[in-house]
């Protein structure tokens, strides 16, 4: 009985570790973040590839 419990615990821990490794996180740097009453602008740069993202909120 104890071995079955340990096996399920191992499988659960492995699944959590796999999800954490696969999902990763985005490395973004905020270059500009402007908020105004009529909207805002946010410019971010990806630290890995250098891609620039511009988001405009209304």
PDB file of N, CA and C in Angstrom:
ATOM      1  N   UNK A   1       0.829  -1.196   0.000  1.00  0.00           N
ATOM      2  CA  UNK A   1       0.000   0.000   0.000  1.00  0.00           C
ATOM      3  C   UNK A   1       0.872   1.258   0.000  1.00  0.00           C
ATOM      4  N   UNK A   2       1.930   1.222   0.789  1.00  0.00           N
ATOM      5  CA  UNK A   2       2.821   2.380   0.882  1.00  0.00           C
ATOM      6  C   UNK A   2       3.530   2.625  -0.453  1.00  0.00           C
ATOM      7  N   UNK A   3       3.909   1.542  -1.142  1.00  0.00           N
ATOM      8  CA  UNK A   3       4.608   1.672  -2.418  1.00  0.00           C
ATOM      9  C   UNK A   3       3.707   2.320  -3.464  1.00  0.00           C
ATOM     10  N   UNK A   4       2.431   1.987  -3.470  1.00  0.00           N
ATOM     11  CA  UNK A   4       1.488   2.589  -4.411  1.00  0.00           C
ATOM     12  C   UNK A   4       1.347   4.078  -4.149  1.00  0.00           C
ATOM     13  N   UNK A   5       1.262   4.451  -2.889  1.00  0.00           N
ATOM     14  CA  UNK A   5       1.150   5.864  -2.516  1.00  0.00           C
ATOM     15  C   UNK A   5       2.396   6.628  -2.957  1.00  0.00           C
ATOM     16  N   UNK A   6       3.569   6.042  -2.738  1.00  0.00           N
ATOM     17  CA  UNK A   6       4.820   6.683  -3.148  1.00  0.00           C
ATOM     18  C   UNK A   6       4.898   6.820  -4.665  1.00  0.00           C
ATOM     19  N   UNK A   7       4.420   5.803  -5.390  1.00  0.00           N
ATOM     20  CA  UNK A   7       4.432   5.854  -6.850  1.00  0.00           C
ATOM     21  C   UNK A   7       3.557   6.995  -7.357  1.00  0.00           C
ATOM     22  N   UNK A   8       2.344   7.129  -6.827  1.00  0.00           N
ATOM     23  CA  UNK A   8       1.453   8.201  -7.263  1.00  0.00           C
ATOM     24  C   UNK A   8       2.021   9.574  -6.912  1.00  0.00           C
ATOM     25  N   UNK A   9       2.667   9.674  -5.777  1.00  0.00           N
ATOM     26  CA  UNK A   9       3.302  10.927  -5.383  1.00  0.00           C
ATOM     27  C   UNK A   9       4.445  11.272  -6.340  1.00  0.00           C
ATOM     28  N   UNK A  10       5.220  10.272  -6.740  1.00  0.00           N
ATOM     29  CA  UNK A  10       6.303  10.477  -7.696  1.00  0.00           C
ATOM     30  C   UNK A  10       5.762  10.917  -9.055  1.00  0.00           C
ATOM     31  N   UNK A  11       4.689  10.280  -9.522  1.00  0.00           N
ATOM     32  CA  UNK A  11       4.089  10.641 -10.808  1.00  0.00           C
ATOM     33  C   UNK A  11       3.561  12.073 -10.765  1.00  0.00           C
ATOM     34  N   UNK A  12       2.920  12.462  -9.685  1.00  0.00           N
ATOM     35  CA  UNK A  12       2.397  13.818  -9.542  1.00  0.00           C
ATOM     36  C   UNK A  12       3.532  14.840  -9.542  1.00  0.00           C
ATOM     37  N   UNK A  13       4.591  14.562  -8.795  1.00  0.00           N
ATOM     38  CA  UNK A  13       5.735  15.480  -8.750  1.00  0.00           C
ATOM     39  C   UNK A  13       6.403  15.587 -10.116  1.00  0.00           C
ATOM     40  N   UNK A  14       6.499  14.479 -10.836  1.00  0.00           N
ATOM     41  CA  UNK A  14       7.087  14.496 -12.177  1.00  0.00           C
ATOM     42  C   UNK A  14       6.244  15.314 -13.139  1.00  0.00           C
ATOM     43  N   UNK A  15       4.938  15.188 -13.040  1.00  0.00           N
ATOM     44  CA  UNK A  15       4.037  15.949 -13.899  1.00  0.00           C
ATOM     45  C   UNK A  15       4.159  17.445 -13.632  1.00  0.00           C
ATOM     46  N   UNK A  16       4.224  17.830 -12.378  1.00  0.00           N
ATOM     47  CA  UNK A  16       4.379  19.243 -12.023  1.00  0.00           C
ATOM     48  C   UNK A  16       5.715  19.775 -12.536  1.00  0.00           C
ATOM     49  N   UNK A  17       6.785  19.002 -12.391  1.00  0.00           N
ATOM     50  CA  UNK A  17       8.101  19.422 -12.879  1.00  0.00           C
ATOM     51  C   UNK A  17       8.103  19.556 -14.396  1.00  0.00           C
ATOM     52  N   UNK A  18       7.441  18.646 -15.087  1.00  0.00           N
ATOM     53  CA  UNK A  18       7.370  18.706 -16.544  1.00  0.00           C
ATOM     54  C   UNK A  18       6.636  19.957 -17.007  1.00  0.00           C
ATOM     55  N   UNK A  19       5.518  20.265 -16.385  1.00  0.00           N
ATOM     56  CA  UNK A  19       4.748  21.457 -16.748  1.00  0.00           C
ATOM     57  C   UNK A  19       5.564  22.718 -16.486  1.00  0.00           C
ATOM     58  N   UNK A  20       6.283  22.761 -15.385  1.00  0.00           N
ATOM     59  CA  UNK A  20       7.102  23.932 -15.060  1.00  0.00           C
ATOM     60  C   UNK A  20       8.225  24.116 -16.073  1.00  0.00           C
ATOM     61  N   UNK A  21       8.829  23.028 -16.517  1.00  0.00           N
ATOM     62  CA  UNK A  21       9.927  23.127 -17.484  1.00  0.00           C
ATOM     63  C   UNK A  21       9.434  23.502 -18.876  1.00  0.00           C
ATOM     64  N   UNK A  22       8.296  22.979 -19.270  1.00  0.00           N
ATOM     65  CA  UNK A  22       7.782  23.232 -20.614  1.00  0.00           C
ATOM     66  C   UNK A  22       7.227  24.641 -20.744  1.00  0.00           C
ATOM     67  N   UNK A  23       6.545  25.127 -19.710  1.00  0.00           N
ATOM     68  CA  UNK A  23       5.890  26.432 -19.816  1.00  0.00           C
ATOM     69  C   UNK A  23       6.900  27.567 -19.856  1.00  0.00           C
ATOM     70  N   UNK A  24       7.935  27.515 -19.038  1.00  0.00           N
ATOM     71  CA  UNK A  24       8.945  28.573 -19.026  1.00  0.00           C
ATOM     72  C   UNK A  24       8.331  29.918 -18.689  1.00  0.00           C
ATOM     73  N   UNK A  25       9.077  30.963 -18.904  1.00  0.00           N
ATOM     74  CA  UNK A  25       8.557  32.303 -18.694  1.00  0.00           C
ATOM     75  C   UNK A  25       9.173  33.227 -19.734  1.00  0.00           C
ATOM     76  N   UNK A  26       8.443  34.232 -20.088  1.00  0.00           N
ATOM     77  CA  UNK A  26       8.929  35.179 -21.077  1.00  0.00           C
ATOM     78  C   UNK A  26       9.818  36.204 -20.400  1.00  0.00           C
ATOM     79  N   UNK A  27      10.953  36.456 -20.999  1.00  0.00           N
ATOM     80  CA  UNK A  27      11.888  37.444 -20.495  1.00  0.00           C
ATOM     81  C   UNK A  27      11.656  38.732 -21.271  1.00  0.00           C
ATOM     82  N   UNK A  28      10.811  39.606 -20.736  1.00  0.00           N
ATOM     83  CA  UNK A  28      10.511  40.864 -21.412  1.00  0.00           C
ATOM     84  C   UNK A  28      10.952  42.031 -20.552  1.00  0.00           C
ATOM     85  N   UNK A  29      11.402  43.061 -21.221  1.00  0.00           N
ATOM     86  CA  UNK A  29      11.855  44.278 -20.571  1.00  0.00           C
ATOM     87  C   UNK A  29      10.938  45.410 -21.021  1.00  0.00           C
ATOM     88  N   UNK A  30      10.373  46.142 -20.079  1.00  0.00           N
ATOM     89  CA  UNK A  30       9.494  47.256 -20.413  1.00  0.00           C
ATOM     90  C   UNK A  30      10.343  48.477 -20.743  1.00  0.00           C
ATOM     91  N   UNK A  31      10.200  48.959 -21.969  1.00  0.00           N
ATOM     92  CA  UNK A  31      10.945  50.134 -22.405  1.00  0.00           C
ATOM     93  C   UNK A  31      10.188  51.415 -22.118  1.00  0.00           C
ATOM     94  N   UNK A  32       8.858  51.374 -22.309  1.00  0.00           N
ATOM     95  CA  UNK A  32       8.032  52.561 -22.114  1.00  0.00           C
ATOM     96  C   UNK A  32       6.651  52.124 -21.665  1.00  0.00           C
ATOM     97  N   UNK A  33       6.121  52.798 -20.659  1.00  0.00           N
ATOM     98  CA  UNK A  33       4.777  52.507 -20.164  1.00  0.00           C
ATOM     99  C   UNK A  33       4.122  53.835 -19.818  1.00  0.00           C
ATOM    100  N   UNK A  34       3.180  54.267 -20.658  1.00  0.00           N
ATOM    101  CA  UNK A  34       2.514  55.559 -20.478  1.00  0.00           C
ATOM    102  C   UNK A  34       1.023  55.313 -20.297  1.00  0.00           C
ATOM    103  N   UNK A  35       0.461  55.819 -19.200  1.00  0.00           N
ATOM    104  CA  UNK A  35      -0.975  55.729 -18.949  1.00  0.00           C
ATOM    105  C   UNK A  35      -1.558  57.132 -18.945  1.00  0.00           C
ATOM    106  N   UNK A  36      -2.624  57.318 -19.708  1.00  0.00           N
ATOM    107  CA  UNK A  36      -3.326  58.596 -19.764  1.00  0.00           C
ATOM    108  C   UNK A  36      -4.810  58.331 -19.535  1.00  0.00           C
ATOM    109  N   UNK A  37      -5.600  59.364 -19.274  1.00  0.00           N
ATOM    110  CA  UNK A  37      -7.039  59.156 -19.099  1.00  0.00           C
ATOM    111  C   UNK A  37      -7.716  58.571 -20.341  1.00  0.00           C
ATOM    112  N   UNK A  38      -7.182  58.828 -21.523  1.00  0.00           N
ATOM    113  CA  UNK A  38      -7.790  58.339 -22.759  1.00  0.00           C
ATOM    114  C   UNK A  38      -7.214  57.009 -23.231  1.00  0.00           C
ATOM    115  N   UNK A  39      -6.271  56.458 -22.533  1.00  0.00           N
ATOM    116  CA  UNK A  39      -5.660  55.187 -22.939  1.00  0.00           C
ATOM    117  C   UNK A  39      -4.222  55.119 -22.484  1.00  0.00           C
ATOM    118  N   UNK A  40      -3.454  54.266 -23.124  1.00  0.00           N
ATOM    119  CA  UNK A  40      -2.058  54.136 -22.742  1.00  0.00           C
ATOM    120  C   UNK A  40      -1.271  53.392 -23.794  1.00  0.00           C
ATOM    121  N   UNK A  41       0.050  53.441 -23.643  1.00  0.00           N
ATOM    122  CA  UNK A  41       0.959  52.763 -24.557  1.00  0.00           C
ATOM    123  C   UNK A  41       1.985  52.004 -23.712  1.00  0.00           C
ATOM    124  N   UNK A  42       2.246  50.765 -24.097  1.00  0.00           N
ATOM    125  CA  UNK A  42       3.281  49.979 -23.432  1.00  0.00           C
ATOM    126  C   UNK A  42       4.164  49.348 -24.504  1.00  0.00           C
ATOM    127  N   UNK A  43       5.469  49.576 -24.387  1.00  0.00           N
ATOM    128  CA  UNK A  43       6.433  49.018 -25.327  1.00  0.00           C
ATOM    129  C   UNK A  43       7.350  48.083 -24.551  1.00  0.00           C
ATOM    130  N   UNK A  44       7.413  46.826 -25.022  1.00  0.00           N
ATOM    131  CA  UNK A  44       8.252  45.821 -24.373  1.00  0.00           C
ATOM    132  C   UNK A  44       9.198  45.205 -25.395  1.00  0.00           C
ATOM    133  N   UNK A  45      10.390  44.808 -24.911  1.00  0.00           N
ATOM    134  CA  UNK A  45      11.373  44.145 -25.766  1.00  0.00           C
ATOM    135  C   UNK A  45      11.690  42.783 -25.173  1.00  0.00           C
ATOM    136  N   UNK A  46      11.695  41.770 -26.030  1.00  0.00           N
ATOM    137  CA  UNK A  46      12.043  40.414 -25.623  1.00  0.00           C
ATOM    138  C   UNK A  46      13.553  40.344 -25.431  1.00  0.00           C
ATOM    139  N   UNK A  47      13.996  39.910 -24.255  1.00  0.00           N
ATOM    140  CA  UNK A  47      15.431  39.859 -23.964  1.00  0.00           C
ATOM    141  C   UNK A  47      16.142  38.771 -24.760  1.00  0.00           C
ATOM    142  N   UNK A  48      15.433  37.719 -25.147  1.00  0.00           N
ATOM    143  CA  UNK A  48      16.073  36.624 -25.879  1.00  0.00           C
ATOM    144  C   UNK A  48      16.260  36.956 -27.350  1.00  0.00           C
ATOM    145  N   UNK A  49      15.186  37.385 -28.024  1.00  0.00           N
ATOM    146  CA  UNK A  49      15.252  37.601 -29.465  1.00  0.00           C
ATOM    147  C   UNK A  49      15.348  39.050 -29.878  1.00  0.00           C
ATOM    148  N   UNK A  50      15.043  39.980 -28.987  1.00  0.00           N
ATOM    149  CA  UNK A  50      15.088  41.392 -29.329  1.00  0.00           C
ATOM    150  C   UNK A  50      13.822  41.903 -29.996  1.00  0.00           C
ATOM    151  N   UNK A  51      12.790  41.062 -30.105  1.00  0.00           N
ATOM    152  CA  UNK A  51      11.536  41.501 -30.716  1.00  0.00           C
ATOM    153  C   UNK A  51      10.874  42.561 -29.846  1.00  0.00           C
ATOM    154  N   UNK A  52      10.274  43.560 -30.499  1.00  0.00           N
ATOM    155  CA  UNK A  52       9.617  44.660 -29.796  1.00  0.00           C
ATOM    156  C   UNK A  52       8.109  44.502 -29.943  1.00  0.00           C
ATOM    157  N   UNK A  53       7.392  44.640 -28.818  1.00  0.00           N
ATOM    158  CA  UNK A  53       5.936  44.548 -28.801  1.00  0.00           C
ATOM    159  C   UNK A  53       5.367  45.881 -28.346  1.00  0.00           C
ATOM    160  N   UNK A  54       4.396  46.403 -29.104  1.00  0.00           N
ATOM    161  CA  UNK A  54       3.735  47.658 -28.758  1.00  0.00           C
ATOM    162  C   UNK A  54       2.271  47.351 -28.488  1.00  0.00           C
ATOM    163  N   UNK A  55       1.802  47.707 -27.291  1.00  0.00           N
ATOM    164  CA  UNK A  55       0.398  47.515 -26.925  1.00  0.00           C
ATOM    165  C   UNK A  55      -0.227  48.878 -26.687  1.00  0.00           C
ATOM    166  N   UNK A  56      -1.367  49.110 -27.332  1.00  0.00           N
ATOM    167  CA  UNK A  56      -2.076  50.380 -27.190  1.00  0.00           C
ATOM    168  C   UNK A  56      -3.417  50.089 -26.540  1.00  0.00           C
ATOM    169  N   UNK A  57      -3.663  50.699 -25.383  1.00  0.00           N
ATOM    170  CA  UNK A  57      -4.928  50.519 -24.677  1.00  0.00           C
ATOM    171  C   UNK A  57      -5.812  51.736 -24.850  1.00  0.00           C
ATOM    172  N   UNK A  58      -7.089  51.489 -24.987  1.00  0.00           N
ATOM    173  CA  UNK A  58      -8.034  52.596 -25.164  1.00  0.00           C
ATOM    174  C   UNK A  58      -8.981  52.669 -24.000  1.00  0.00           C
TER     175      UNK A  58
END
